[in-house]
N, C-alpha and C. Protein backbone atom coordinates (compact mmCIF):
# COMPACT_ATOMS: atom_id res chain seq x y z
N ILE A 1 9.74 -6.34 -16.29
CA ILE A 1 8.39 -6.81 -16.01
C ILE A 1 7.46 -5.64 -16.26
N LYS A 2 6.37 -5.82 -16.81
CA LYS A 2 5.49 -4.71 -17.27
C LYS A 2 4.48 -4.30 -16.15
N ASN A 3 4.02 -5.44 -15.38
CA ASN A 3 3.25 -5.15 -14.13
C ASN A 3 4.00 -4.47 -13.05
N SER A 4 3.55 -3.11 -12.70
CA SER A 4 4.35 -2.29 -11.73
C SER A 4 4.34 -3.11 -10.56
N THR A 5 3.24 -3.56 -9.98
CA THR A 5 2.89 -4.23 -8.83
C THR A 5 3.85 -5.46 -8.58
N LEU A 6 3.92 -6.35 -9.64
CA LEU A 6 4.83 -7.39 -9.78
C LEU A 6 6.24 -7.00 -9.61
N ALA A 7 6.61 -5.94 -10.29
CA ALA A 7 7.95 -5.49 -10.09
C ALA A 7 8.30 -4.86 -8.70
N LEU A 8 7.41 -4.32 -8.07
CA LEU A 8 7.71 -3.87 -6.73
C LEU A 8 8.00 -5.30 -5.85
N LYS A 9 7.18 -6.12 -6.13
CA LYS A 9 7.24 -7.30 -5.24
C LYS A 9 8.50 -7.96 -5.68
N LYS A 10 9.08 -8.04 -6.60
CA LYS A 10 10.33 -8.55 -7.30
C LYS A 10 11.38 -7.74 -6.45
N GLN A 11 11.29 -6.47 -6.26
CA GLN A 11 12.25 -5.62 -5.58
C GLN A 11 12.50 -6.02 -4.26
N LEU A 12 11.09 -6.08 -3.55
CA LEU A 12 11.17 -6.38 -2.12
C LEU A 12 11.68 -7.73 -1.88
N PHE A 13 11.41 -8.68 -2.72
CA PHE A 13 11.86 -10.19 -2.47
C PHE A 13 13.48 -10.00 -2.58
N THR A 14 13.96 -9.28 -3.56
CA THR A 14 15.31 -9.25 -3.82
C THR A 14 16.02 -8.60 -2.61
N LEU A 15 15.43 -7.45 -2.02
CA LEU A 15 15.81 -6.67 -0.90
C LEU A 15 16.10 -7.79 0.31
N ILE A 16 15.14 -8.64 0.36
CA ILE A 16 15.06 -9.53 1.59
C ILE A 16 16.19 -10.47 1.35
N ASP A 17 16.31 -10.93 0.04
CA ASP A 17 17.23 -11.98 -0.25
C ASP A 17 18.66 -11.33 0.03
N LYS A 18 18.98 -10.20 -0.51
CA LYS A 18 20.28 -9.72 -0.30
C LYS A 18 20.52 -9.41 1.23
N ASN A 19 19.63 -9.22 1.99
CA ASN A 19 19.88 -8.97 3.35
C ASN A 19 19.61 -10.06 4.41
N LEU A 20 19.53 -11.20 3.76
CA LEU A 20 19.39 -12.60 4.56
C LEU A 20 20.24 -12.60 5.72
N ASN A 21 21.73 -12.39 5.29
CA ASN A 21 22.72 -12.64 6.50
C ASN A 21 22.47 -11.80 7.41
N LEU A 22 22.01 -10.47 7.22
CA LEU A 22 21.71 -9.44 8.37
C LEU A 22 20.55 -9.98 9.30
N LEU A 23 19.43 -10.64 8.45
CA LEU A 23 18.34 -11.11 9.25
C LEU A 23 18.61 -12.29 10.12
N ILE A 24 19.60 -13.27 9.65
CA ILE A 24 20.02 -14.33 10.54
C ILE A 24 20.86 -13.80 11.52
N LYS A 25 21.73 -12.78 11.41
CA LYS A 25 22.54 -12.30 12.45
C LYS A 25 21.64 -11.60 13.44
N ASN A 26 20.69 -10.89 13.24
CA ASN A 26 19.96 -10.00 14.02
C ASN A 26 18.75 -10.62 14.70
N LEU A 27 18.16 -11.82 14.20
CA LEU A 27 16.93 -12.29 14.72
C LEU A 27 17.23 -13.67 15.21
N ASN A 28 16.42 -14.21 16.21
CA ASN A 28 16.80 -15.55 16.51
C ASN A 28 15.79 -16.43 15.55
N THR A 29 16.01 -17.70 15.78
CA THR A 29 15.29 -18.55 14.61
C THR A 29 13.91 -18.32 14.44
N ALA A 30 13.14 -18.27 15.63
CA ALA A 30 11.76 -18.14 15.70
C ALA A 30 11.27 -16.82 15.17
N GLU A 31 11.99 -15.54 15.34
CA GLU A 31 11.77 -14.41 14.83
C GLU A 31 11.86 -14.39 13.27
N LEU A 32 13.13 -14.98 12.83
CA LEU A 32 13.42 -15.13 11.48
C LEU A 32 12.40 -15.84 10.81
N ASN A 33 12.07 -17.01 11.33
CA ASN A 33 10.83 -17.92 10.71
C ASN A 33 9.56 -17.15 10.57
N ASN A 34 9.20 -16.50 11.66
CA ASN A 34 8.10 -15.61 11.61
C ASN A 34 8.10 -14.37 10.54
N PHE A 35 9.08 -13.78 10.53
CA PHE A 35 9.31 -12.69 9.68
C PHE A 35 9.14 -13.13 8.18
N LEU A 36 10.07 -14.23 7.86
CA LEU A 36 9.88 -14.64 6.45
C LEU A 36 8.48 -15.23 6.13
N LYS A 37 7.85 -15.95 7.05
CA LYS A 37 6.40 -16.52 6.82
C LYS A 37 5.47 -15.44 6.63
N GLU A 38 5.51 -14.45 7.52
CA GLU A 38 4.64 -13.25 7.36
C GLU A 38 4.79 -12.34 6.14
N TYR A 39 6.04 -12.02 5.94
CA TYR A 39 6.47 -11.09 4.84
C TYR A 39 6.18 -11.91 3.33
N LEU A 40 6.41 -12.99 3.40
CA LEU A 40 6.23 -13.54 2.04
C LEU A 40 4.60 -13.76 1.69
N SER A 41 3.96 -14.00 2.85
CA SER A 41 2.49 -13.88 2.64
C SER A 41 2.00 -12.54 2.26
N PHE A 42 2.63 -11.59 2.93
CA PHE A 42 2.36 -10.12 2.50
C PHE A 42 2.57 -9.84 1.01
N LEU A 43 3.78 -10.37 0.49
CA LEU A 43 4.19 -10.20 -0.78
C LEU A 43 3.25 -10.83 -1.60
N LYS A 44 2.69 -11.97 -1.36
CA LYS A 44 1.84 -12.74 -2.24
C LYS A 44 0.55 -12.21 -2.38
N TYR A 45 -0.07 -11.52 -1.28
CA TYR A 45 -1.44 -11.07 -1.24
C TYR A 45 -1.53 -9.62 -1.38
N GLU A 46 -0.51 -8.69 -1.22
CA GLU A 46 -0.65 -7.19 -1.26
C GLU A 46 -0.72 -6.86 -2.62
N LYS A 47 -1.47 -5.86 -2.94
CA LYS A 47 -1.79 -5.49 -4.44
C LYS A 47 -1.69 -4.12 -4.54
N ASN A 48 -1.62 -3.40 -3.35
CA ASN A 48 -1.59 -1.80 -3.30
C ASN A 48 -0.25 -1.23 -3.52
N GLU A 49 0.01 -0.63 -4.61
CA GLU A 49 1.35 -0.28 -4.96
C GLU A 49 1.99 0.85 -3.79
N GLU A 50 1.12 1.66 -3.35
CA GLU A 50 1.74 2.54 -2.41
C GLU A 50 2.09 1.88 -1.04
N ILE A 51 1.25 0.79 -0.80
CA ILE A 51 1.67 -0.07 0.57
C ILE A 51 3.12 -0.66 0.16
N LEU A 52 3.26 -1.19 -1.03
CA LEU A 52 4.42 -2.02 -1.45
C LEU A 52 5.60 -0.94 -1.43
N GLN A 53 5.38 0.26 -1.96
CA GLN A 53 6.59 1.11 -2.04
C GLN A 53 6.80 1.66 -0.72
N GLN A 54 6.00 1.79 0.18
CA GLN A 54 6.37 2.19 1.68
C GLN A 54 7.00 0.92 2.38
N SER A 55 6.70 -0.18 2.09
CA SER A 55 7.37 -1.35 2.65
C SER A 55 8.69 -1.35 2.26
N PHE A 56 8.90 -1.10 0.95
CA PHE A 56 10.39 -1.14 0.49
C PHE A 56 11.17 -0.21 1.20
N ARG A 57 10.69 1.17 1.35
CA ARG A 57 11.40 2.05 1.73
C ARG A 57 11.67 1.93 3.27
N ASN A 58 10.68 1.35 4.20
CA ASN A 58 10.90 0.94 5.42
C ASN A 58 11.92 -0.02 5.65
N LEU A 59 11.80 -1.16 4.75
CA LEU A 59 12.83 -2.24 4.88
C LEU A 59 14.26 -1.94 4.58
N ASN A 60 14.42 -1.02 3.47
CA ASN A 60 15.60 -0.56 2.93
C ASN A 60 16.26 0.40 4.31
N GLY A 61 15.45 1.01 4.98
CA GLY A 61 15.83 1.86 6.06
C GLY A 61 16.36 1.03 7.13
N ILE A 62 15.66 0.06 7.60
CA ILE A 62 16.05 -0.83 8.59
C ILE A 62 17.25 -1.63 8.24
N PHE A 63 17.40 -2.35 7.12
CA PHE A 63 18.58 -2.96 6.74
C PHE A 63 19.72 -2.03 6.80
N GLY A 64 19.73 -0.80 6.48
CA GLY A 64 20.72 0.19 6.43
C GLY A 64 21.30 0.38 7.88
N ASN A 65 20.56 0.12 8.80
CA ASN A 65 20.96 0.17 10.23
C ASN A 65 21.94 -0.73 10.85
N LYS A 66 21.86 -2.01 10.12
CA LYS A 66 22.54 -3.37 10.36
C LYS A 66 22.43 -3.82 11.81
N ASN A 67 22.04 -3.12 12.91
CA ASN A 67 21.74 -3.60 14.08
C ASN A 67 20.28 -3.42 14.61
N PHE A 68 19.28 -4.09 13.68
CA PHE A 68 17.88 -3.99 13.96
C PHE A 68 17.53 -5.19 14.79
N THR A 69 16.27 -4.95 15.30
CA THR A 69 15.72 -6.24 16.06
C THR A 69 14.33 -6.51 15.40
N ALA A 70 13.70 -7.48 15.90
CA ALA A 70 12.25 -7.84 15.57
C ALA A 70 11.35 -6.69 15.89
N TYR A 71 11.60 -5.86 16.80
CA TYR A 71 10.87 -4.68 17.05
C TYR A 71 10.90 -3.63 16.03
N ASP A 72 12.07 -3.49 15.55
CA ASP A 72 12.34 -2.59 14.41
C ASP A 72 11.67 -2.98 13.17
N LEU A 73 11.48 -4.31 12.89
CA LEU A 73 10.79 -4.75 11.74
C LEU A 73 9.33 -4.52 11.97
N GLY A 74 8.88 -4.22 13.14
CA GLY A 74 7.45 -3.97 13.25
C GLY A 74 6.62 -5.14 13.80
N PHE A 75 7.26 -6.09 14.58
CA PHE A 75 6.68 -7.10 14.99
C PHE A 75 7.27 -7.67 16.29
N SER A 76 6.66 -8.20 17.17
CA SER A 76 7.24 -9.06 18.38
C SER A 76 6.67 -10.39 18.39
N ILE A 77 7.56 -11.28 18.47
CA ILE A 77 7.03 -12.60 18.40
C ILE A 77 6.28 -12.92 19.83
N GLN A 78 6.43 -12.16 20.96
CA GLN A 78 5.83 -12.43 22.10
C GLN A 78 4.45 -12.01 22.10
N ASN A 79 4.13 -10.90 21.46
CA ASN A 79 2.62 -10.29 21.59
C ASN A 79 1.93 -10.43 20.19
N ASN A 80 2.63 -11.01 19.12
CA ASN A 80 1.94 -11.33 17.97
C ASN A 80 1.48 -10.00 17.15
N ASP A 81 2.06 -8.85 17.42
CA ASP A 81 1.53 -7.59 16.82
C ASP A 81 1.60 -7.79 14.99
N GLU A 82 0.96 -7.09 14.53
CA GLU A 82 0.89 -7.19 13.10
C GLU A 82 2.15 -6.38 12.65
N PRO A 83 2.75 -7.28 11.82
CA PRO A 83 4.13 -6.89 11.07
C PRO A 83 4.06 -5.70 10.19
N PHE A 84 5.27 -5.02 10.10
CA PHE A 84 5.49 -4.05 9.12
C PHE A 84 4.67 -2.65 9.45
């Protein structure tokens, strides 16, 4: 992929895809649905490479923990804080 922003988005999507089982294990259904909806929307609209790179680093670190929560992902379903 020649477009670096698009390449970062592909890496982020792949990171989420590879860690979907961890997401299913650690989040309840509402949290999982909310995370996927918000994150896919983020990937669709975000154009800033620095923000995409930081998001990749953050998610990679969170997934490395294996026992994360919705709070670790940066949002809570109860108070609708902004994710990430």
